[in-house]
Amino acid sequence: MVFNFYSNSFSQLSKGFAKGLFIIGLLLIGFGILVWVFKEVLAIIAAAIFMAIGAVCCLNAIKIFFLSWKSGRKPDDGRSDNVKIHIE
């Protein structure tokens, strides 16, 4: 164990950045190997994810269109049924 009387914050920062970058690099290499080995399985999984997300987006769009169509059918003359003004 090394004991320093001073702290070099730039050195500590660069060492921490290098450690994180090295770990990310190893993870990317491992992920690349997995994609290379299981390319057909991963392609099917990715396609299923994209299809599911697309279906959710379409359903949300239909819901928004329906709600906007439903709210646009009501005639709005600037009054509300549940508001009463009392003048004394």
PDB file of N, CA and C in Angstrom:
ATOM      1  N   MET A   1       0.842  -1.170   0.000  1.00  0.00           N
ATOM      2  CA  MET A   1       0.000   0.000   0.000  1.00  0.00           C
ATOM      3  C   MET A   1       0.883   1.226   0.000  1.00  0.00           C
ATOM      4  N   VAL A   2       0.554   2.153  -0.860  1.00  0.00           N
ATOM      5  CA  VAL A   2       1.348   3.370  -0.998  1.00  0.00           C
ATOM      6  C   VAL A   2       0.657   4.480  -0.228  1.00  0.00           C
ATOM      7  N   PHE A   3       1.424   5.199   0.578  1.00  0.00           N
ATOM      8  CA  PHE A   3       0.895   6.320   1.339  1.00  0.00           C
ATOM      9  C   PHE A   3       1.452   7.599   0.764  1.00  0.00           C
ATOM     10  N   ASN A   4       0.566   8.476   0.307  1.00  0.00           N
ATOM     11  CA  ASN A   4       0.994   9.753  -0.259  1.00  0.00           C
ATOM     12  C   ASN A   4       0.594  10.880   0.682  1.00  0.00           C
ATOM     13  N   PHE A   5       1.460  11.880   0.803  1.00  0.00           N
ATOM     14  CA  PHE A   5       1.150  13.046   1.617  1.00  0.00           C
ATOM     15  C   PHE A   5       0.283  14.045   0.862  1.00  0.00           C
ATOM     16  N   TYR A   6       0.166  13.873  -0.413  1.00  0.00           N
ATOM     17  CA  TYR A   6      -0.643  14.769  -1.225  1.00  0.00           C
ATOM     18  C   TYR A   6      -1.514  13.920  -2.143  1.00  0.00           C
ATOM     19  N   SER A   7      -2.541  14.522  -2.645  1.00  0.00           N
ATOM     20  CA  SER A   7      -3.400  13.797  -3.581  1.00  0.00           C
ATOM     21  C   SER A   7      -3.353  14.506  -4.920  1.00  0.00           C
ATOM     22  N   ASN A   8      -3.095  13.756  -5.940  1.00  0.00           N
ATOM     23  CA  ASN A   8      -3.097  14.290  -7.291  1.00  0.00           C
ATOM     24  C   ASN A   8      -4.454  13.938  -7.897  1.00  0.00           C
ATOM     25  N   SER A   9      -5.382  14.883  -7.850  1.00  0.00           N
ATOM     26  CA  SER A   9      -6.752  14.592  -8.267  1.00  0.00           C
ATOM     27  C   SER A   9      -6.843  14.277  -9.760  1.00  0.00           C
ATOM     28  N   PHE A  10      -5.987  14.913 -10.570  1.00  0.00           N
ATOM     29  CA  PHE A  10      -6.014  14.611 -12.000  1.00  0.00           C
ATOM     30  C   PHE A  10      -5.576  13.174 -12.260  1.00  0.00           C
ATOM     31  N   SER A  11      -4.572  12.710 -11.531  1.00  0.00           N
ATOM     32  CA  SER A  11      -4.101  11.337 -11.691  1.00  0.00           C
ATOM     33  C   SER A  11      -5.177  10.349 -11.255  1.00  0.00           C
ATOM     34  N   GLN A  12      -5.845  10.633 -10.144  1.00  0.00           N
ATOM     35  CA  GLN A  12      -6.903   9.742  -9.679  1.00  0.00           C
ATOM     36  C   GLN A  12      -8.076   9.731 -10.658  1.00  0.00           C
ATOM     37  N   LEU A  13      -8.391  10.897 -11.189  1.00  0.00           N
ATOM     38  CA  LEU A  13      -9.483  10.993 -12.149  1.00  0.00           C
ATOM     39  C   LEU A  13      -9.167  10.213 -13.419  1.00  0.00           C
ATOM     40  N   SER A  14      -7.952  10.354 -13.917  1.00  0.00           N
ATOM     41  CA  SER A  14      -7.584   9.649 -15.146  1.00  0.00           C
ATOM     42  C   SER A  14      -7.498   8.142 -14.917  1.00  0.00           C
ATOM     43  N   LYS A  15      -7.054   7.717 -13.728  1.00  0.00           N
ATOM     44  CA  LYS A  15      -7.020   6.279 -13.436  1.00  0.00           C
ATOM     45  C   LYS A  15      -8.437   5.709 -13.350  1.00  0.00           C
ATOM     46  N   GLY A  16      -9.343   6.441 -12.725  1.00  0.00           N
ATOM     47  CA  GLY A  16     -10.730   5.986 -12.646  1.00  0.00           C
ATOM     48  C   GLY A  16     -11.377   5.913 -14.016  1.00  0.00           C
ATOM     49  N   PHE A  17     -11.095   6.915 -14.858  1.00  0.00           N
ATOM     50  CA  PHE A  17     -11.630   6.909 -16.217  1.00  0.00           C
ATOM     51  C   PHE A  17     -11.073   5.733 -17.008  1.00  0.00           C
ATOM     52  N   ALA A  18      -9.773   5.460 -16.845  1.00  0.00           N
ATOM     53  CA  ALA A  18      -9.151   4.345 -17.563  1.00  0.00           C
ATOM     54  C   ALA A  18      -9.738   3.010 -17.118  1.00  0.00           C
ATOM     55  N   LYS A  19     -10.000   2.863 -15.815  1.00  0.00           N
ATOM     56  CA  LYS A  19     -10.604   1.618 -15.327  1.00  0.00           C
ATOM     57  C   LYS A  19     -11.999   1.420 -15.924  1.00  0.00           C
ATOM     58  N   GLY A  20     -12.802   2.475 -15.906  1.00  0.00           N
ATOM     59  CA  GLY A  20     -14.144   2.377 -16.469  1.00  0.00           C
ATOM     60  C   GLY A  20     -14.124   2.087 -17.954  1.00  0.00           C
ATOM     61  N   LEU A  21     -13.216   2.743 -18.667  1.00  0.00           N
ATOM     62  CA  LEU A  21     -13.100   2.528 -20.104  1.00  0.00           C
ATOM     63  C   LEU A  21     -12.660   1.103 -20.420  1.00  0.00           C
ATOM     64  N   PHE A  22     -11.758   0.550 -19.606  1.00  0.00           N
ATOM     65  CA  PHE A  22     -11.293  -0.819 -19.805  1.00  0.00           C
ATOM     66  C   PHE A  22     -12.434  -1.813 -19.587  1.00  0.00           C
ATOM     67  N   ILE A  23     -13.235  -1.593 -18.550  1.00  0.00           N
ATOM     68  CA  ILE A  23     -14.361  -2.492 -18.276  1.00  0.00           C
ATOM     69  C   ILE A  23     -15.393  -2.416 -19.398  1.00  0.00           C
ATOM     70  N   ILE A  24     -15.675  -1.209 -19.875  1.00  0.00           N
ATOM     71  CA  ILE A  24     -16.620  -1.058 -20.989  1.00  0.00           C
ATOM     72  C   ILE A  24     -16.090  -1.752 -22.238  1.00  0.00           C
ATOM     73  N   GLY A  25     -14.789  -1.637 -22.486  1.00  0.00           N
ATOM     74  CA  GLY A  25     -14.189  -2.316 -23.633  1.00  0.00           C
ATOM     75  C   GLY A  25     -14.327  -3.823 -23.538  1.00  0.00           C
ATOM     76  N   LEU A  26     -14.078  -4.378 -22.347  1.00  0.00           N
ATOM     77  CA  LEU A  26     -14.232  -5.824 -22.169  1.00  0.00           C
ATOM     78  C   LEU A  26     -15.687  -6.258 -22.352  1.00  0.00           C
ATOM     79  N   LEU A  27     -16.611  -5.460 -21.843  1.00  0.00           N
ATOM     80  CA  LEU A  27     -18.024  -5.793 -22.031  1.00  0.00           C
ATOM     81  C   LEU A  27     -18.419  -5.758 -23.503  1.00  0.00           C
ATOM     82  N   LEU A  28     -17.918  -4.772 -24.240  1.00  0.00           N
ATOM     83  CA  LEU A  28     -18.229  -4.693 -25.669  1.00  0.00           C
ATOM     84  C   LEU A  28     -17.630  -5.860 -26.444  1.00  0.00           C
ATOM     85  N   ILE A  29     -16.423  -6.262 -26.082  1.00  0.00           N
ATOM     86  CA  ILE A  29     -15.815  -7.427 -26.740  1.00  0.00           C
ATOM     87  C   ILE A  29     -16.648  -8.678 -26.462  1.00  0.00           C
ATOM     88  N   GLY A  30     -17.060  -8.864 -25.207  1.00  0.00           N
ATOM     89  CA  GLY A  30     -17.887 -10.018 -24.855  1.00  0.00           C
ATOM     90  C   GLY A  30     -19.225 -10.001 -25.564  1.00  0.00           C
ATOM     91  N   PHE A  31     -19.849  -8.829 -25.647  1.00  0.00           N
ATOM     92  CA  PHE A  31     -21.123  -8.723 -26.353  1.00  0.00           C
ATOM     93  C   PHE A  31     -20.943  -9.003 -27.841  1.00  0.00           C
ATOM     94  N   GLY A  32     -19.837  -8.542 -28.413  1.00  0.00           N
ATOM     95  CA  GLY A  32     -19.564  -8.821 -29.824  1.00  0.00           C
ATOM     96  C   GLY A  32     -19.399 -10.306 -30.094  1.00  0.00           C
ATOM     97  N   ILE A  33     -18.721 -10.997 -29.191  1.00  0.00           N
ATOM     98  CA  ILE A  33     -18.549 -12.447 -29.349  1.00  0.00           C
ATOM     99  C   ILE A  33     -19.899 -13.159 -29.231  1.00  0.00           C
ATOM    100  N   LEU A  34     -20.726 -12.721 -28.278  1.00  0.00           N
ATOM    101  CA  LEU A  34     -22.052 -13.334 -28.139  1.00  0.00           C
ATOM    102  C   LEU A  34     -22.912 -13.113 -29.380  1.00  0.00           C
ATOM    103  N   VAL A  35     -22.854 -11.920 -29.947  1.00  0.00           N
ATOM    104  CA  VAL A  35     -23.614 -11.645 -31.169  1.00  0.00           C
ATOM    105  C   VAL A  35     -23.107 -12.510 -32.312  1.00  0.00           C
ATOM    106  N   TRP A  36     -21.794 -12.678 -32.403  1.00  0.00           N
ATOM    107  CA  TRP A  36     -21.219 -13.483 -33.476  1.00  0.00           C
ATOM    108  C   TRP A  36     -21.631 -14.950 -33.337  1.00  0.00           C
ATOM    109  N   VAL A  37     -21.657 -15.457 -32.106  1.00  0.00           N
ATOM    110  CA  VAL A  37     -21.995 -16.863 -31.889  1.00  0.00           C
ATOM    111  C   VAL A  37     -23.506 -17.099 -32.030  1.00  0.00           C
ATOM    112  N   PHE A  38     -24.303 -16.209 -31.452  1.00  0.00           N
ATOM    113  CA  PHE A  38     -25.754 -16.404 -31.426  1.00  0.00           C
ATOM    114  C   PHE A  38     -26.473 -15.418 -32.335  1.00  0.00           C
ATOM    115  N   LYS A  39     -25.972 -15.209 -33.537  1.00  0.00           N
ATOM    116  CA  LYS A  39     -26.538 -14.165 -34.393  1.00  0.00           C
ATOM    117  C   LYS A  39     -27.988 -14.422 -34.778  1.00  0.00           C
ATOM    118  N   GLU A  40     -28.369 -15.635 -35.019  1.00  0.00           N
ATOM    119  CA  GLU A  40     -29.755 -15.890 -35.410  1.00  0.00           C
ATOM    120  C   GLU A  40     -30.703 -15.746 -34.231  1.00  0.00           C
ATOM    121  N   VAL A  41     -30.291 -16.215 -33.071  1.00  0.00           N
ATOM    122  CA  VAL A  41     -31.140 -16.090 -31.883  1.00  0.00           C
ATOM    123  C   VAL A  41     -31.316 -14.623 -31.525  1.00  0.00           C
ATOM    124  N   LEU A  42     -30.229 -13.856 -31.545  1.00  0.00           N
ATOM    125  CA  LEU A  42     -30.308 -12.439 -31.204  1.00  0.00           C
ATOM    126  C   LEU A  42     -31.099 -11.653 -32.241  1.00  0.00           C
ATOM    127  N   ALA A  43     -31.018 -12.061 -33.496  1.00  0.00           N
ATOM    128  CA  ALA A  43     -31.803 -11.381 -34.530  1.00  0.00           C
ATOM    129  C   ALA A  43     -33.293 -11.603 -34.306  1.00  0.00           C
ATOM    130  N   ILE A  44     -33.679 -12.799 -33.913  1.00  0.00           N
ATOM    131  CA  ILE A  44     -35.087 -13.083 -33.639  1.00  0.00           C
ATOM    132  C   ILE A  44     -35.559 -12.304 -32.417  1.00  0.00           C
ATOM    133  N   ILE A  45     -34.723 -12.242 -31.388  1.00  0.00           N
ATOM    134  CA  ILE A  45     -35.085 -11.489 -30.183  1.00  0.00           C
ATOM    135  C   ILE A  45     -35.218 -10.005 -30.507  1.00  0.00           C
ATOM    136  N   ALA A  46     -34.283  -9.464 -31.278  1.00  0.00           N
ATOM    137  CA  ALA A  46     -34.345  -8.045 -31.644  1.00  0.00           C
ATOM    138  C   ALA A  46     -35.583  -7.760 -32.485  1.00  0.00           C
ATOM    139  N   ALA A  47     -35.901  -8.660 -33.412  1.00  0.00           N
ATOM    140  CA  ALA A  47     -37.097  -8.468 -34.239  1.00  0.00           C
ATOM    141  C   ALA A  47     -38.359  -8.497 -33.380  1.00  0.00           C
ATOM    142  N   ALA A  48     -38.412  -9.398 -32.415  1.00  0.00           N
ATOM    143  CA  ALA A  48     -39.582  -9.476 -31.533  1.00  0.00           C
ATOM    144  C   ALA A  48     -39.717  -8.211 -30.689  1.00  0.00           C
ATOM    145  N   ILE A  49     -38.594  -7.687 -30.215  1.00  0.00           N
ATOM    146  CA  ILE A  49     -38.632  -6.454 -29.417  1.00  0.00           C
ATOM    147  C   ILE A  49     -39.124  -5.292 -30.265  1.00  0.00           C
ATOM    148  N   PHE A  50     -38.605  -5.162 -31.487  1.00  0.00           N
ATOM    149  CA  PHE A  50     -39.038  -4.070 -32.362  1.00  0.00           C
ATOM    150  C   PHE A  50     -40.518  -4.191 -32.715  1.00  0.00           C
ATOM    151  N   MET A  51     -40.991  -5.411 -32.957  1.00  0.00           N
ATOM    152  CA  MET A  51     -42.401  -5.593 -33.280  1.00  0.00           C
ATOM    153  C   MET A  51     -43.286  -5.252 -32.089  1.00  0.00           C
ATOM    154  N   ALA A  52     -42.869  -5.643 -30.892  1.00  0.00           N
ATOM    155  CA  ALA A  52     -43.661  -5.339 -29.697  1.00  0.00           C
ATOM    156  C   ALA A  52     -43.706  -3.837 -29.443  1.00  0.00           C
ATOM    157  N   ILE A  53     -42.574  -3.167 -29.580  1.00  0.00           N
ATOM    158  CA  ILE A  53     -42.538  -1.716 -29.375  1.00  0.00           C
ATOM    159  C   ILE A  53     -43.373  -1.012 -30.443  1.00  0.00           C
ATOM    160  N   GLY A  54     -43.313  -1.487 -31.677  1.00  0.00           N
ATOM    161  CA  GLY A  54     -44.129  -0.911 -32.740  1.00  0.00           C
ATOM    162  C   GLY A  54     -45.614  -1.076 -32.468  1.00  0.00           C
ATOM    163  N   ALA A  55     -46.013  -2.245 -31.974  1.00  0.00           N
ATOM    164  CA  ALA A  55     -47.424  -2.474 -31.653  1.00  0.00           C
ATOM    165  C   ALA A  55     -47.883  -1.559 -30.522  1.00  0.00           C
ATOM    166  N   VAL A  56     -47.045  -1.372 -29.514  1.00  0.00           N
ATOM    167  CA  VAL A  56     -47.394  -0.478 -28.404  1.00  0.00           C
ATOM    168  C   VAL A  56     -47.536   0.955 -28.904  1.00  0.00           C
ATOM    169  N   CYS A  57     -46.641   1.388 -29.776  1.00  0.00           N
ATOM    170  CA  CYS A  57     -46.730   2.744 -30.339  1.00  0.00           C
ATOM    171  C   CYS A  57     -48.017   2.920 -31.144  1.00  0.00           C
ATOM    172  N   CYS A  58     -48.361   1.932 -31.966  1.00  0.00           N
ATOM    173  CA  CYS A  58     -49.589   2.023 -32.761  1.00  0.00           C
ATOM    174  C   CYS A  58     -50.826   2.048 -31.870  1.00  0.00           C
ATOM    175  N   LEU A  59     -50.848   1.228 -30.827  1.00  0.00           N
ATOM    176  CA  LEU A  59     -51.996   1.228 -29.921  1.00  0.00           C
ATOM    177  C   LEU A  59     -52.129   2.560 -29.188  1.00  0.00           C
ATOM    178  N   ASN A  60     -51.011   3.138 -28.766  1.00  0.00           N
ATOM    179  CA  ASN A  60     -51.071   4.451 -28.117  1.00  0.00           C
ATOM    180  C   ASN A  60     -51.541   5.523 -29.089  1.00  0.00           C
ATOM    181  N   ALA A  61     -51.105   5.457 -30.335  1.00  0.00           N
ATOM    182  CA  ALA A  61     -51.545   6.435 -31.335  1.00  0.00           C
ATOM    183  C   ALA A  61     -53.043   6.311 -31.587  1.00  0.00           C
ATOM    184  N   ILE A  62     -53.544   5.083 -31.687  1.00  0.00           N
ATOM    185  CA  ILE A  62     -54.982   4.877 -31.889  1.00  0.00           C
ATOM    186  C   ILE A  62     -55.767   5.411 -30.694  1.00  0.00           C
ATOM    187  N   LYS A  63     -55.253   5.185 -29.485  1.00  0.00           N
ATOM    188  CA  LYS A  63     -55.927   5.690 -28.292  1.00  0.00           C
ATOM    189  C   LYS A  63     -55.974   7.220 -28.290  1.00  0.00           C
ATOM    190  N   ILE A  64     -54.879   7.860 -28.680  1.00  0.00           N
ATOM    191  CA  ILE A  64     -54.842   9.325 -28.734  1.00  0.00           C
ATOM    192  C   ILE A  64     -55.791   9.846 -29.808  1.00  0.00           C
ATOM    193  N   PHE A  65     -55.797   9.212 -31.001  1.00  0.00           N
ATOM    194  CA  PHE A  65     -56.729   9.618 -32.056  1.00  0.00           C
ATOM    195  C   PHE A  65     -58.179   9.484 -31.594  1.00  0.00           C
ATOM    196  N   PHE A  66     -58.492   8.385 -30.930  1.00  0.00           N
ATOM    197  CA  PHE A  66     -59.855   8.161 -30.458  1.00  0.00           C
ATOM    198  C   PHE A  66     -60.251   9.205 -29.420  1.00  0.00           C
ATOM    199  N   LEU A  67     -59.364   9.500 -28.475  1.00  0.00           N
ATOM    200  CA  LEU A  67     -59.688  10.490 -27.449  1.00  0.00           C
ATOM    201  C   LEU A  67     -59.842  11.884 -28.039  1.00  0.00           C
ATOM    202  N   SER A  68     -59.012  12.223 -29.023  1.00  0.00           N
ATOM    203  CA  SER A  68     -59.146  13.545 -29.644  1.00  0.00           C
ATOM    204  C   SER A  68     -60.420  13.620 -30.484  1.00  0.00           C
ATOM    205  N   TRP A  69     -60.796  12.524 -31.146  1.00  0.00           N
ATOM    206  CA  TRP A  69     -62.034  12.496 -31.918  1.00  0.00           C
ATOM    207  C   TRP A  69     -63.241  12.597 -30.990  1.00  0.00           C
ATOM    208  N   LYS A  70     -63.166  11.901 -29.856  1.00  0.00           N
ATOM    209  CA  LYS A  70     -64.263  11.900 -28.900  1.00  0.00           C
ATOM    210  C   LYS A  70     -64.438  13.276 -28.257  1.00  0.00           C
ATOM    211  N   SER A  71     -63.348  13.946 -27.944  1.00  0.00           N
ATOM    212  CA  SER A  71     -63.455  15.262 -27.317  1.00  0.00           C
ATOM    213  C   SER A  71     -63.825  16.334 -28.330  1.00  0.00           C
ATOM    214  N   GLY A  72     -63.553  16.135 -29.610  1.00  0.00           N
ATOM    215  CA  GLY A  72     -63.879  17.113 -30.629  1.00  0.00           C
ATOM    216  C   GLY A  72     -65.331  17.087 -31.053  1.00  0.00           C
ATOM    217  N   ARG A  73     -66.082  16.043 -30.741  1.00  0.00           N
ATOM    218  CA  ARG A  73     -67.488  15.918 -31.142  1.00  0.00           C
ATOM    219  C   ARG A  73     -68.410  16.756 -30.277  1.00  0.00           C
ATOM    220  N   LYS A  74     -67.996  17.107 -29.095  1.00  0.00           N
ATOM    221  CA  LYS A  74     -68.851  17.839 -28.172  1.00  0.00           C
ATOM    222  C   LYS A  74     -68.894  19.311 -28.563  1.00  0.00           C
ATOM    223  N   PRO A  75     -70.093  19.872 -28.792  1.00  0.00           N
ATOM    224  CA  PRO A  75     -70.142  21.294 -29.146  1.00  0.00           C
ATOM    225  C   PRO A  75     -69.733  22.149 -27.946  1.00  0.00           C
ATOM    226  N   ASP A  76     -68.842  23.065 -28.197  1.00  0.00           N
ATOM    227  CA  ASP A  76     -68.329  23.908 -27.128  1.00  0.00           C
ATOM    228  C   ASP A  76     -68.685  25.354 -27.441  1.00  0.00           C
ATOM    229  N   ASP A  77     -69.631  25.899 -26.680  1.00  0.00           N
ATOM    230  CA  ASP A  77     -69.999  27.295 -26.890  1.00  0.00           C
ATOM    231  C   ASP A  77     -69.444  28.186 -25.782  1.00  0.00           C
ATOM    232  N   GLY A  78     -68.476  27.705 -25.050  1.00  0.00           N
ATOM    233  CA  GLY A  78     -67.848  28.501 -24.008  1.00  0.00           C
ATOM    234  C   GLY A  78     -68.483  28.344 -22.648  1.00  0.00           C
ATOM    235  N   ARG A  79     -69.457  27.465 -22.530  1.00  0.00           N
ATOM    236  CA  ARG A  79     -70.120  27.258 -21.247  1.00  0.00           C
ATOM    237  C   ARG A  79     -69.920  25.830 -20.779  1.00  0.00           C
ATOM    238  N   SER A  80     -70.070  25.671 -19.486  1.00  0.00           N
ATOM    239  CA  SER A  80     -69.977  24.351 -18.893  1.00  0.00           C
ATOM    240  C   SER A  80     -71.267  24.061 -18.141  1.00  0.00           C
ATOM    241  N   ASP A  81     -71.721  22.831 -18.157  1.00  0.00           N
ATOM    242  CA  ASP A  81     -72.981  22.469 -17.519  1.00  0.00           C
ATOM    243  C   ASP A  81     -72.904  22.530 -15.995  1.00  0.00           C
ATOM    244  N   ASN A  82     -71.752  22.261 -15.435  1.00  0.00           N
ATOM    245  CA  ASN A  82     -71.655  22.175 -13.985  1.00  0.00           C
ATOM    246  C   ASN A  82     -71.245  23.495 -13.325  1.00  0.00           C
ATOM    247  N   VAL A  83     -71.184  24.589 -14.066  1.00  0.00           N
ATOM    248  CA  VAL A  83     -70.815  25.881 -13.505  1.00  0.00           C
ATOM    249  C   VAL A  83     -72.046  26.781 -13.506  1.00  0.00           C
ATOM    250  N   LYS A  84     -72.379  27.302 -12.336  1.00  0.00           N
ATOM    251  CA  LYS A  84     -73.516  28.214 -12.215  1.00  0.00           C
ATOM    252  C   LYS A  84     -73.021  29.523 -11.624  1.00  0.00           C
ATOM    253  N   ILE A  85     -73.438  30.623 -12.205  1.00  0.00           N
ATOM    254  CA  ILE A  85     -73.031  31.940 -11.741  1.00  0.00           C
ATOM    255  C   ILE A  85     -74.216  32.576 -11.027  1.00  0.00           C
ATOM    256  N   HIS A  86     -73.994  32.970  -9.793  1.00  0.00           N
ATOM    257  CA  HIS A  86     -75.025  33.630  -8.993  1.00  0.00           C
ATOM    258  C   HIS A  86     -74.716  35.113  -8.923  1.00  0.00           C
ATOM    259  N   ILE A  87     -75.663  35.929  -9.281  1.00  0.00           N
ATOM    260  CA  ILE A  87     -75.499  37.381  -9.200  1.00  0.00           C
ATOM    261  C   ILE A  87     -76.408  37.887  -8.091  1.00  0.00           C
ATOM    262  N   GLU A  88     -75.848  38.619  -7.160  1.00  0.00           N
ATOM    263  CA  GLU A  88     -76.652  39.130  -6.043  1.00  0.00           C
ATOM    264  C   GLU A  88     -76.804  40.609  -6.130  1.00  0.00           C
TER     265      GLU A  88
END
